[in-house]
Amino acid sequence: MKRLIQKITFFFEMQSYGVCGWIARKIGISTYKVRLGFIYFSFVSLGSPILVYLILAWILDHKHYFKLQGKRKTSIWEI
């Protein structure tokens, strides 16, 4: 039973902490502050950041669909 709980905890840590880590890297602050901000904001606004968090988690999981293929720069030697 303890092993099952550890597997479930590990799964949720790998899936859920990715969003806060990504936001923290983009902004340049610690992950702890972003997580704490989500928790406080969830209490103040009655849970609406949880919906934003889930949407961001889905986008990060499927970000390869959203990447725009930029036009490849050609060099003078390829003309």
PDB file of N, CA and C in Angstrom:
ATOM      1  N   MET A   1       0.827  -1.194   0.000  1.00  0.00           N
ATOM      2  CA  MET A   1       0.000   0.000   0.000  1.00  0.00           C
ATOM      3  C   MET A   1       0.875   1.264   0.000  1.00  0.00           C
ATOM      4  N   LYS A   2       1.957   1.231   0.765  1.00  0.00           N
ATOM      5  CA  LYS A   2       2.839   2.393   0.829  1.00  0.00           C
ATOM      6  C   LYS A   2       3.492   2.652  -0.526  1.00  0.00           C
ATOM      7  N   ARG A   3       3.828   1.587  -1.221  1.00  0.00           N
ATOM      8  CA  ARG A   3       4.450   1.710  -2.550  1.00  0.00           C
ATOM      9  C   ARG A   3       3.485   2.351  -3.549  1.00  0.00           C
ATOM     10  N   LEU A   4       2.202   1.990  -3.462  1.00  0.00           N
ATOM     11  CA  LEU A   4       1.188   2.558  -4.344  1.00  0.00           C
ATOM     12  C   LEU A   4       1.033   4.054  -4.099  1.00  0.00           C
ATOM     13  N   ILE A   5       1.022   4.448  -2.843  1.00  0.00           N
ATOM     14  CA  ILE A   5       0.899   5.868  -2.505  1.00  0.00           C
ATOM     15  C   ILE A   5       2.114   6.641  -3.006  1.00  0.00           C
ATOM     16  N   GLN A   6       3.307   6.038  -2.912  1.00  0.00           N
ATOM     17  CA  GLN A   6       4.506   6.690  -3.419  1.00  0.00           C
ATOM     18  C   GLN A   6       4.455   6.856  -4.934  1.00  0.00           C
ATOM     19  N   LYS A   7       3.927   5.855  -5.641  1.00  0.00           N
ATOM     20  CA  LYS A   7       3.802   5.961  -7.099  1.00  0.00           C
ATOM     21  C   LYS A   7       2.820   7.057  -7.482  1.00  0.00           C
ATOM     22  N   ILE A   8       1.704   7.125  -6.774  1.00  0.00           N
ATOM     23  CA  ILE A   8       0.694   8.156  -7.066  1.00  0.00           C
ATOM     24  C   ILE A   8       1.267   9.542  -6.772  1.00  0.00           C
ATOM     25  N   THR A   9       1.949   9.680  -5.641  1.00  0.00           N
ATOM     26  CA  THR A   9       2.559  10.966  -5.288  1.00  0.00           C
ATOM     27  C   THR A   9       3.597  11.380  -6.321  1.00  0.00           C
ATOM     28  N   PHE A  10       4.430  10.455  -6.746  1.00  0.00           N
ATOM     29  CA  PHE A  10       5.447  10.756  -7.747  1.00  0.00           C
ATOM     30  C   PHE A  10       4.803  11.188  -9.060  1.00  0.00           C
ATOM     31  N   PHE A  11       3.734  10.513  -9.479  1.00  0.00           N
ATOM     32  CA  PHE A  11       3.040  10.866 -10.716  1.00  0.00           C
ATOM     33  C   PHE A  11       2.520  12.298 -10.655  1.00  0.00           C
ATOM     34  N   PHE A  12       1.840  12.646  -9.561  1.00  0.00           N
ATOM     35  CA  PHE A  12       1.289  13.985  -9.458  1.00  0.00           C
ATOM     36  C   PHE A  12       2.366  15.050  -9.323  1.00  0.00           C
ATOM     37  N   GLU A  13       3.464  14.721  -8.671  1.00  0.00           N
ATOM     38  CA  GLU A  13       4.559  15.682  -8.587  1.00  0.00           C
ATOM     39  C   GLU A  13       5.161  15.941  -9.958  1.00  0.00           C
ATOM     40  N   MET A  14       5.336  14.913 -10.750  1.00  0.00           N
ATOM     41  CA  MET A  14       5.915  15.089 -12.084  1.00  0.00           C
ATOM     42  C   MET A  14       4.963  15.834 -13.010  1.00  0.00           C
ATOM     43  N   GLN A  15       3.658  15.605 -12.877  1.00  0.00           N
ATOM     44  CA  GLN A  15       2.701  16.256 -13.763  1.00  0.00           C
ATOM     45  C   GLN A  15       2.373  17.680 -13.317  1.00  0.00           C
ATOM     46  N   SER A  16       2.200  17.889 -12.022  1.00  0.00           N
ATOM     47  CA  SER A  16       1.692  19.182 -11.576  1.00  0.00           C
ATOM     48  C   SER A  16       2.776  20.224 -11.356  1.00  0.00           C
ATOM     49  N   TYR A  17       3.949  19.831 -10.940  1.00  0.00           N
ATOM     50  CA  TYR A  17       4.964  20.826 -10.651  1.00  0.00           C
ATOM     51  C   TYR A  17       5.619  21.377 -11.905  1.00  0.00           C
ATOM     52  N   GLY A  18       5.347  20.833 -13.030  1.00  0.00           N
ATOM     53  CA  GLY A  18       5.931  21.330 -14.264  1.00  0.00           C
ATOM     54  C   GLY A  18       5.440  22.715 -14.635  1.00  0.00           C
ATOM     55  N   VAL A  19       4.180  23.002 -14.357  1.00  0.00           N
ATOM     56  CA  VAL A  19       3.611  24.296 -14.718  1.00  0.00           C
ATOM     57  C   VAL A  19       4.250  25.401 -13.888  1.00  0.00           C
ATOM     58  N   CYS A  20       4.327  25.220 -12.592  1.00  0.00           N
ATOM     59  CA  CYS A  20       4.930  26.249 -11.732  1.00  0.00           C
ATOM     60  C   CYS A  20       6.408  26.434 -12.054  1.00  0.00           C
ATOM     61  N   GLY A  21       7.095  25.343 -12.335  1.00  0.00           N
ATOM     62  CA  GLY A  21       8.509  25.446 -12.699  1.00  0.00           C
ATOM     63  C   GLY A  21       8.703  26.192 -13.995  1.00  0.00           C
ATOM     64  N   TRP A  22       7.825  25.956 -14.961  1.00  0.00           N
ATOM     65  CA  TRP A  22       7.911  26.638 -16.253  1.00  0.00           C
ATOM     66  C   TRP A  22       7.656  28.136 -16.094  1.00  0.00           C
ATOM     67  N   ILE A  23       6.617  28.474 -15.323  1.00  0.00           N
ATOM     68  CA  ILE A  23       6.309  29.888 -15.088  1.00  0.00           C
ATOM     69  C   ILE A  23       7.464  30.569 -14.359  1.00  0.00           C
ATOM     70  N   ALA A  24       8.017  29.884 -13.360  1.00  0.00           N
ATOM     71  CA  ALA A  24       9.126  30.462 -12.594  1.00  0.00           C
ATOM     72  C   ALA A  24      10.350  30.696 -13.469  1.00  0.00           C
ATOM     73  N   ARG A  25      10.647  29.763 -14.371  1.00  0.00           N
ATOM     74  CA  ARG A  25      11.788  29.957 -15.277  1.00  0.00           C
ATOM     75  C   ARG A  25      11.545  31.122 -16.227  1.00  0.00           C
ATOM     76  N   LYS A  26      10.319  31.263 -16.730  1.00  0.00           N
ATOM     77  CA  LYS A  26      10.013  32.355 -17.654  1.00  0.00           C
ATOM     78  C   LYS A  26      10.108  33.721 -16.971  1.00  0.00           C
ATOM     79  N   ILE A  27       9.620  33.796 -15.725  1.00  0.00           N
ATOM     80  CA  ILE A  27       9.623  35.069 -15.011  1.00  0.00           C
ATOM     81  C   ILE A  27      10.975  35.338 -14.363  1.00  0.00           C
ATOM     82  N   GLY A  28      11.651  34.268 -13.941  1.00  0.00           N
ATOM     83  CA  GLY A  28      12.947  34.424 -13.308  1.00  0.00           C
ATOM     84  C   GLY A  28      12.882  34.484 -11.793  1.00  0.00           C
ATOM     85  N   ILE A  29      11.873  33.831 -11.193  1.00  0.00           N
ATOM     86  CA  ILE A  29      11.769  33.786  -9.738  1.00  0.00           C
ATOM     87  C   ILE A  29      11.766  32.328  -9.291  1.00  0.00           C
ATOM     88  N   SER A  30      11.752  32.116  -7.984  1.00  0.00           N
ATOM     89  CA  SER A  30      11.810  30.746  -7.481  1.00  0.00           C
ATOM     90  C   SER A  30      10.460  30.043  -7.675  1.00  0.00           C
ATOM     91  N   THR A  31      10.536  28.745  -7.840  1.00  0.00           N
ATOM     92  CA  THR A  31       9.335  27.936  -8.031  1.00  0.00           C
ATOM     93  C   THR A  31       8.453  27.973  -6.794  1.00  0.00           C
ATOM     94  N   TYR A  32       9.079  28.030  -5.634  1.00  0.00           N
ATOM     95  CA  TYR A  32       8.334  28.075  -4.378  1.00  0.00           C
ATOM     96  C   TYR A  32       7.385  29.271  -4.339  1.00  0.00           C
ATOM     97  N   LYS A  33       7.846  30.430  -4.800  1.00  0.00           N
ATOM     98  CA  LYS A  33       7.013  31.634  -4.786  1.00  0.00           C
ATOM     99  C   LYS A  33       5.834  31.513  -5.746  1.00  0.00           C
ATOM    100  N   VAL A  34       6.052  30.879  -6.875  1.00  0.00           N
ATOM    101  CA  VAL A  34       4.955  30.698  -7.838  1.00  0.00           C
ATOM    102  C   VAL A  34       3.911  29.750  -7.262  1.00  0.00           C
ATOM    103  N   ARG A  35       4.352  28.650  -6.665  1.00  0.00           N
ATOM    104  CA  ARG A  35       3.414  27.703  -6.053  1.00  0.00           C
ATOM    105  C   ARG A  35       2.630  28.356  -4.929  1.00  0.00           C
ATOM    106  N   LEU A  36       3.311  29.117  -4.089  1.00  0.00           N
ATOM    107  CA  LEU A  36       2.647  29.804  -2.996  1.00  0.00           C
ATOM    108  C   LEU A  36       1.638  30.823  -3.534  1.00  0.00           C
ATOM    109  N   GLY A  37       2.003  31.504  -4.608  1.00  0.00           N
ATOM    110  CA  GLY A  37       1.075  32.451  -5.228  1.00  0.00           C
ATOM    111  C   GLY A  37      -0.178  31.769  -5.756  1.00  0.00           C
ATOM    112  N   PHE A  38      -0.020  30.593  -6.388  1.00  0.00           N
ATOM    113  CA  PHE A  38      -1.187  29.847  -6.856  1.00  0.00           C
ATOM    114  C   PHE A  38      -2.085  29.447  -5.693  1.00  0.00           C
ATOM    115  N   ILE A  39      -1.490  29.018  -4.604  1.00  0.00           N
ATOM    116  CA  ILE A  39      -2.285  28.593  -3.441  1.00  0.00           C
ATOM    117  C   ILE A  39      -3.052  29.770  -2.852  1.00  0.00           C
ATOM    118  N   TYR A  40      -2.363  30.887  -2.610  1.00  0.00           N
ATOM    119  CA  TYR A  40      -3.030  32.057  -2.038  1.00  0.00           C
ATOM    120  C   TYR A  40      -4.101  32.609  -2.968  1.00  0.00           C
ATOM    121  N   PHE A  41      -3.783  32.697  -4.244  1.00  0.00           N
ATOM    122  CA  PHE A  41      -4.744  33.235  -5.198  1.00  0.00           C
ATOM    123  C   PHE A  41      -5.953  32.316  -5.340  1.00  0.00           C
ATOM    124  N   SER A  42      -5.764  31.013  -5.174  1.00  0.00           N
ATOM    125  CA  SER A  42      -6.884  30.078  -5.234  1.00  0.00           C
ATOM    126  C   SER A  42      -7.846  30.293  -4.076  1.00  0.00           C
ATOM    127  N   PHE A  43      -7.323  30.583  -2.893  1.00  0.00           N
ATOM    128  CA  PHE A  43      -8.193  30.842  -1.751  1.00  0.00           C
ATOM    129  C   PHE A  43      -8.933  32.161  -1.902  1.00  0.00           C
ATOM    130  N   VAL A  44      -8.250  33.175  -2.402  1.00  0.00           N
ATOM    131  CA  VAL A  44      -8.858  34.499  -2.527  1.00  0.00           C
ATOM    132  C   VAL A  44      -9.929  34.522  -3.614  1.00  0.00           C
ATOM    133  N   SER A  45      -9.667  33.869  -4.732  1.00  0.00           N
ATOM    134  CA  SER A  45     -10.597  33.949  -5.860  1.00  0.00           C
ATOM    135  C   SER A  45     -11.464  32.702  -6.006  1.00  0.00           C
ATOM    136  N   LEU A  46     -11.570  31.920  -4.957  1.00  0.00           N
ATOM    137  CA  LEU A  46     -12.462  30.755  -4.901  1.00  0.00           C
ATOM    138  C   LEU A  46     -12.159  29.700  -5.954  1.00  0.00           C
ATOM    139  N   GLY A  47     -10.906  29.471  -6.237  1.00  0.00           N
ATOM    140  CA  GLY A  47     -10.507  28.342  -7.067  1.00  0.00           C
ATOM    141  C   GLY A  47     -10.342  28.570  -8.547  1.00  0.00           C
ATOM    142  N   SER A  48     -10.533  29.775  -9.031  1.00  0.00           N
ATOM    143  CA  SER A  48     -10.393  29.994 -10.476  1.00  0.00           C
ATOM    144  C   SER A  48      -8.966  29.784 -10.988  1.00  0.00           C
ATOM    145  N   PRO A  49      -7.911  30.027 -10.210  1.00  0.00           N
ATOM    146  CA  PRO A  49      -6.566  29.732 -10.724  1.00  0.00           C
ATOM    147  C   PRO A  49      -6.327  28.245 -10.987  1.00  0.00           C
ATOM    148  N   ILE A  50      -7.105  27.400 -10.350  1.00  0.00           N
ATOM    149  CA  ILE A  50      -6.966  25.964 -10.610  1.00  0.00           C
ATOM    150  C   ILE A  50      -7.336  25.665 -12.055  1.00  0.00           C
ATOM    151  N   LEU A  51      -8.353  26.332 -12.567  1.00  0.00           N
ATOM    152  CA  LEU A  51      -8.736  26.166 -13.970  1.00  0.00           C
ATOM    153  C   LEU A  51      -7.626  26.676 -14.886  1.00  0.00           C
ATOM    154  N   VAL A  52      -7.046  27.821 -14.562  1.00  0.00           N
ATOM    155  CA  VAL A  52      -5.935  28.362 -15.349  1.00  0.00           C
ATOM    156  C   VAL A  52      -4.754  27.402 -15.307  1.00  0.00           C
ATOM    157  N   TYR A  53      -4.486  26.851 -14.127  1.00  0.00           N
ATOM    158  CA  TYR A  53      -3.383  25.912 -13.956  1.00  0.00           C
ATOM    159  C   TYR A  53      -3.580  24.668 -14.814  1.00  0.00           C
ATOM    160  N   LEU A  54      -4.790  24.134 -14.839  1.00  0.00           N
ATOM    161  CA  LEU A  54      -5.066  22.945 -15.644  1.00  0.00           C
ATOM    162  C   LEU A  54      -4.941  23.236 -17.139  1.00  0.00           C
ATOM    163  N   ILE A  55      -5.371  24.408 -17.557  1.00  0.00           N
ATOM    164  CA  ILE A  55      -5.239  24.787 -18.960  1.00  0.00           C
ATOM    165  C   ILE A  55      -3.764  24.914 -19.332  1.00  0.00           C
ATOM    166  N   LEU A  56      -2.970  25.553 -18.465  1.00  0.00           N
ATOM    167  CA  LEU A  56      -1.531  25.671 -18.724  1.00  0.00           C
ATOM    168  C   LEU A  56      -0.853  24.312 -18.743  1.00  0.00           C
ATOM    169  N   ALA A  57      -1.278  23.416 -17.862  1.00  0.00           N
ATOM    170  CA  ALA A  57      -0.699  22.067 -17.848  1.00  0.00           C
ATOM    171  C   ALA A  57      -0.996  21.356 -19.157  1.00  0.00           C
ATOM    172  N   TRP A  58      -2.205  21.516 -19.675  1.00  0.00           N
ATOM    173  CA  TRP A  58      -2.557  20.872 -20.946  1.00  0.00           C
ATOM    174  C   TRP A  58      -1.738  21.473 -22.091  1.00  0.00           C
ATOM    175  N   ILE A  59      -1.608  22.795 -22.099  1.00  0.00           N
ATOM    176  CA  ILE A  59      -0.837  23.452 -23.161  1.00  0.00           C
ATOM    177  C   ILE A  59       0.623  23.024 -23.111  1.00  0.00           C
ATOM    178  N   LEU A  60       1.206  22.964 -21.908  1.00  0.00           N
ATOM    179  CA  LEU A  60       2.599  22.546 -21.799  1.00  0.00           C
ATOM    180  C   LEU A  60       2.788  21.097 -22.210  1.00  0.00           C
ATOM    181  N   ASP A  61       1.783  20.276 -21.948  1.00  0.00           N
ATOM    182  CA  ASP A  61       1.880  18.872 -22.335  1.00  0.00           C
ATOM    183  C   ASP A  61       1.775  18.705 -23.851  1.00  0.00           C
ATOM    184  N   HIS A  62       1.080  19.625 -24.510  1.00  0.00           N
ATOM    185  CA  HIS A  62       0.875  19.541 -25.960  1.00  0.00           C
ATOM    186  C   HIS A  62       1.501  20.720 -26.699  1.00  0.00           C
ATOM    187  N   LYS A  63       2.572  21.273 -26.164  1.00  0.00           N
ATOM    188  CA  LYS A  63       3.157  22.481 -26.762  1.00  0.00           C
ATOM    189  C   LYS A  63       3.748  22.243 -28.137  1.00  0.00           C
ATOM    190  N   HIS A  64       4.040  21.011 -28.488  1.00  0.00           N
ATOM    191  CA  HIS A  64       4.582  20.754 -29.821  1.00  0.00           C
ATOM    192  C   HIS A  64       3.542  21.028 -30.906  1.00  0.00           C
ATOM    193  N   TYR A  65       2.251  21.039 -30.552  1.00  0.00           N
ATOM    194  CA  TYR A  65       1.214  21.387 -31.518  1.00  0.00           C
ATOM    195  C   TYR A  65       1.123  22.885 -31.741  1.00  0.00           C
ATOM    196  N   PHE A  66       1.578  23.671 -30.779  1.00  0.00           N
ATOM    197  CA  PHE A  66       1.436  25.120 -30.839  1.00  0.00           C
ATOM    198  C   PHE A  66       2.657  25.837 -31.391  1.00  0.00           C
ATOM    199  N   LYS A  67       3.745  25.142 -31.562  1.00  0.00           N
ATOM    200  CA  LYS A  67       4.953  25.797 -32.068  1.00  0.00           C
ATOM    201  C   LYS A  67       4.764  26.159 -33.532  1.00  0.00           C
ATOM    202  N   LEU A  68       5.075  27.392 -33.818  1.00  0.00           N
ATOM    203  CA  LEU A  68       4.974  27.843 -35.200  1.00  0.00           C
ATOM    204  C   LEU A  68       6.294  27.547 -35.898  1.00  0.00           C
ATOM    205  N   GLN A  69       6.190  27.038 -37.069  1.00  0.00           N
ATOM    206  CA  GLN A  69       7.400  26.751 -37.840  1.00  0.00           C
ATOM    207  C   GLN A  69       7.831  28.031 -38.538  1.00  0.00           C
ATOM    208  N   GLY A  70       8.908  28.583 -38.062  1.00  0.00           N
ATOM    209  CA  GLY A  70       9.425  29.807 -38.662  1.00  0.00           C
ATOM    210  C   GLY A  70      10.078  29.515 -40.000  1.00  0.00           C
ATOM    211  N   LYS A  71      10.151  30.527 -40.824  1.00  0.00           N
ATOM    212  CA  LYS A  71      10.792  30.359 -42.110  1.00  0.00           C
ATOM    213  C   LYS A  71      12.289  30.210 -41.892  1.00  0.00           C
ATOM    214  N   ARG A  72      12.859  29.196 -42.475  1.00  0.00           N
ATOM    215  CA  ARG A  72      14.279  28.930 -42.297  1.00  0.00           C
ATOM    216  C   ARG A  72      15.090  29.973 -43.038  1.00  0.00           C
ATOM    217  N   LYS A  73      16.064  30.505 -42.359  1.00  0.00           N
ATOM    218  CA  LYS A  73      16.911  31.511 -42.981  1.00  0.00           C
ATOM    219  C   LYS A  73      17.882  30.812 -43.925  1.00  0.00           C
ATOM    220  N   THR A  74      17.992  31.356 -45.092  1.00  0.00           N
ATOM    221  CA  THR A  74      18.922  30.787 -46.055  1.00  0.00           C
ATOM    222  C   THR A  74      20.183  31.634 -46.071  1.00  0.00           C
ATOM    223  N   SER A  75      21.247  30.991 -46.278  1.00  0.00           N
ATOM    224  CA  SER A  75      22.516  31.716 -46.360  1.00  0.00           C
ATOM    225  C   SER A  75      22.834  32.021 -47.830  1.00  0.00           C
ATOM    226  N   ILE A  76      23.820  32.782 -48.031  1.00  0.00           N
ATOM    227  CA  ILE A  76      24.212  33.156 -49.381  1.00  0.00           C
ATOM    228  C   ILE A  76      24.717  31.936 -50.158  1.00  0.00           C
ATOM    229  N   TRP A  77      25.198  30.933 -49.454  1.00  0.00           N
ATOM    230  CA  TRP A  77      25.765  29.755 -50.118  1.00  0.00           C
ATOM    231  C   TRP A  77      24.710  28.793 -50.619  1.00  0.00           C
ATOM    232  N   GLU A  78      23.455  28.973 -50.186  1.00  0.00           N
ATOM    233  CA  GLU A  78      22.383  28.076 -50.607  1.00  0.00           C
ATOM    234  C   GLU A  78      21.626  28.606 -51.811  1.00  0.00           C
ATOM    235  N   ILE A  79      21.985  29.731 -52.330  1.00  0.00           N
ATOM    236  CA  ILE A  79      21.258  30.325 -53.457  1.00  0.00           C
ATOM    237  C   ILE A  79      21.564  29.608 -54.727  1.00  0.00           C
TER     238      ILE A  79
END
